[in-house]
Amino acid sequence: MSGPVAATRRGLLARAWRPLVGAAVGALGGWLYWYFIGCRTGTCLISSNVWISTGYWGVVGGIALMPWAAPRERVQGGDEAGPG
């Protein structure tokens, strides 16, 4: 596949690989937590169901590895000492 569609997919993958890896690792961790620790009584909100545990930790992992924008530099101008 070539052309603008392939270039768009490559660009999307180049931007989104960290959250995707984080989501996959988080989902695996959520499944492992459910399997080995879990909630035997069924009253725990997150760890009582394999789908909820895997999905929750997948979202957490994706957010944790999301590339945040660098803080903008302060605009220099006016008095260096500030107002007042």
C-alpha atoms as a PDB file:
ATOM      1  CA  MET A   1       0.000   0.000   0.000  1.00  0.00           C
ATOM      2  CA  SER A   2       1.395   3.391  -0.910  1.00  0.00           C
ATOM      3  CA  GLY A   3       0.217   6.925  -1.249  1.00  0.00           C
ATOM      4  CA  PRO A   4      -1.429   9.303   1.172  1.00  0.00           C
ATOM      5  CA  VAL A   5      -3.311   6.591   3.075  1.00  0.00           C
ATOM      6  CA  ALA A   6      -0.118   4.693   3.899  1.00  0.00           C
ATOM      7  CA  ALA A   7       1.626   7.921   4.895  1.00  0.00           C
ATOM      8  CA  THR A   8      -1.274   8.810   7.176  1.00  0.00           C
ATOM      9  CA  ARG A   9      -1.162   5.383   8.818  1.00  0.00           C
ATOM     10  CA  ARG A  10       2.596   5.634   9.328  1.00  0.00           C
ATOM     11  CA  GLY A  11       2.167   9.091  10.858  1.00  0.00           C
ATOM     12  CA  LEU A  12      -0.588   7.880  13.161  1.00  0.00           C
ATOM     13  CA  LEU A  13       1.471   4.889  14.274  1.00  0.00           C
ATOM     14  CA  ALA A  14       4.506   7.106  14.820  1.00  0.00           C
ATOM     15  CA  ARG A  15       2.463   9.344  17.115  1.00  0.00           C
ATOM     16  CA  ALA A  16       0.450   6.667  18.899  1.00  0.00           C
ATOM     17  CA  TRP A  17       2.921   3.863  19.569  1.00  0.00           C
ATOM     18  CA  ARG A  18       3.586   4.838  23.189  1.00  0.00           C
ATOM     19  CA  PRO A  19      -0.073   4.862  24.317  1.00  0.00           C
ATOM     20  CA  LEU A  20      -0.689   1.611  22.434  1.00  0.00           C
ATOM     21  CA  VAL A  21       2.239  -0.090  24.141  1.00  0.00           C
ATOM     22  CA  GLY A  22       1.130   1.329  27.480  1.00  0.00           C
ATOM     23  CA  ALA A  23      -2.405   0.054  26.955  1.00  0.00           C
ATOM     24  CA  ALA A  24      -1.146  -3.411  26.031  1.00  0.00           C
ATOM     25  CA  VAL A  25       1.166  -3.601  29.049  1.00  0.00           C
ATOM     26  CA  GLY A  26      -1.543  -2.226  31.333  1.00  0.00           C
ATOM     27  CA  ALA A  27      -4.090  -4.725  30.036  1.00  0.00           C
ATOM     28  CA  LEU A  28      -1.646  -7.571  30.578  1.00  0.00           C
ATOM     29  CA  GLY A  29      -0.960  -6.306  34.080  1.00  0.00           C
ATOM     30  CA  GLY A  30      -4.686  -6.054  34.778  1.00  0.00           C
ATOM     31  CA  TRP A  31      -5.229  -9.612  33.627  1.00  0.00           C
ATOM     32  CA  LEU A  32      -2.313 -10.846  35.726  1.00  0.00           C
ATOM     33  CA  TYR A  33      -3.677  -8.990  38.757  1.00  0.00           C
ATOM     34  CA  TRP A  34      -7.110 -10.532  38.222  1.00  0.00           C
ATOM     35  CA  TYR A  35      -5.646 -14.011  37.763  1.00  0.00           C
ATOM     36  CA  PHE A  36      -3.196 -14.083  40.658  1.00  0.00           C
ATOM     37  CA  ILE A  37      -4.766 -11.718  43.207  1.00  0.00           C
ATOM     38  CA  GLY A  38      -8.289 -10.936  42.072  1.00  0.00           C
ATOM     39  CA  CYS A  39     -11.330 -10.743  44.270  1.00  0.00           C
ATOM     40  CA  ARG A  40     -12.580 -14.068  45.532  1.00  0.00           C
ATOM     41  CA  THR A  41     -15.851 -12.726  46.957  1.00  0.00           C
ATOM     42  CA  GLY A  42     -16.944 -10.861  43.827  1.00  0.00           C
ATOM     43  CA  THR A  43     -17.562  -7.603  45.682  1.00  0.00           C
ATOM     44  CA  CYS A  44     -14.488  -5.737  44.420  1.00  0.00           C
ATOM     45  CA  LEU A  45     -15.406  -3.234  41.732  1.00  0.00           C
ATOM     46  CA  ILE A  46     -12.349  -3.544  39.483  1.00  0.00           C
ATOM     47  CA  SER A  47     -10.778  -6.902  40.210  1.00  0.00           C
ATOM     48  CA  SER A  48     -13.907  -9.073  40.405  1.00  0.00           C
ATOM     49  CA  ASN A  49     -14.380  -9.252  36.615  1.00  0.00           C
ATOM     50  CA  VAL A  50     -11.595 -10.081  34.160  1.00  0.00           C
ATOM     51  CA  TRP A  51     -12.935  -7.702  31.491  1.00  0.00           C
ATOM     52  CA  ILE A  52     -13.234  -4.761  33.843  1.00  0.00           C
ATOM     53  CA  SER A  53      -9.786  -5.348  35.340  1.00  0.00           C
ATOM     54  CA  THR A  54      -8.120  -5.742  31.945  1.00  0.00           C
ATOM     55  CA  GLY A  55      -9.894  -2.746  30.420  1.00  0.00           C
ATOM     56  CA  TYR A  56      -9.326  -0.470  33.402  1.00  0.00           C
ATOM     57  CA  TRP A  57      -5.600  -1.130  33.620  1.00  0.00           C
ATOM     58  CA  GLY A  58      -5.301  -0.942  29.831  1.00  0.00           C
ATOM     59  CA  VAL A  59      -6.735   2.582  29.906  1.00  0.00           C
ATOM     60  CA  VAL A  60      -4.487   3.518  32.822  1.00  0.00           C
ATOM     61  CA  GLY A  61      -1.434   2.200  30.967  1.00  0.00           C
ATOM     62  CA  GLY A  62      -2.381   4.072  27.801  1.00  0.00           C
ATOM     63  CA  ILE A  63      -2.804   7.330  29.678  1.00  0.00           C
ATOM     64  CA  ALA A  64       0.419   6.820  31.615  1.00  0.00           C
ATOM     65  CA  LEU A  65       2.497   6.574  28.438  1.00  0.00           C
ATOM     66  CA  MET A  66       0.664   9.262  26.492  1.00  0.00           C
ATOM     67  CA  PRO A  67       3.133  11.803  25.135  1.00  0.00           C
ATOM     68  CA  TRP A  68       2.276  15.131  26.711  1.00  0.00           C
ATOM     69  CA  ALA A  69       3.216  18.398  25.059  1.00  0.00           C
ATOM     70  CA  ALA A  70       6.281  20.145  26.415  1.00  0.00           C
ATOM     71  CA  PRO A  71       5.522  23.262  28.434  1.00  0.00           C
ATOM     72  CA  ARG A  72       5.705  26.431  26.409  1.00  0.00           C
ATOM     73  CA  GLU A  73       8.464  28.859  27.123  1.00  0.00           C
ATOM     74  CA  ARG A  74       7.478  32.096  28.764  1.00  0.00           C
ATOM     75  CA  VAL A  75       7.190  35.026  26.434  1.00  0.00           C
ATOM     76  CA  GLN A  76       9.781  37.634  27.320  1.00  0.00           C
ATOM     77  CA  GLY A  77       8.620  41.192  27.162  1.00  0.00           C
ATOM     78  CA  GLY A  78       8.106  44.243  29.247  1.00  0.00           C
ATOM     79  CA  ASP A  79       9.627  44.664  32.672  1.00  0.00           C
ATOM     80  CA  GLU A  80      11.740  41.761  33.929  1.00  0.00           C
ATOM     81  CA  ALA A  81      10.813  42.505  37.550  1.00  0.00           C
ATOM     82  CA  GLY A  82       7.130  41.903  36.860  1.00  0.00           C
ATOM     83  CA  PRO A  83       4.083  44.007  37.650  1.00  0.00           C
ATOM     84  CA  GLY A  84       3.971  46.419  40.556  1.00  0.00           C
END
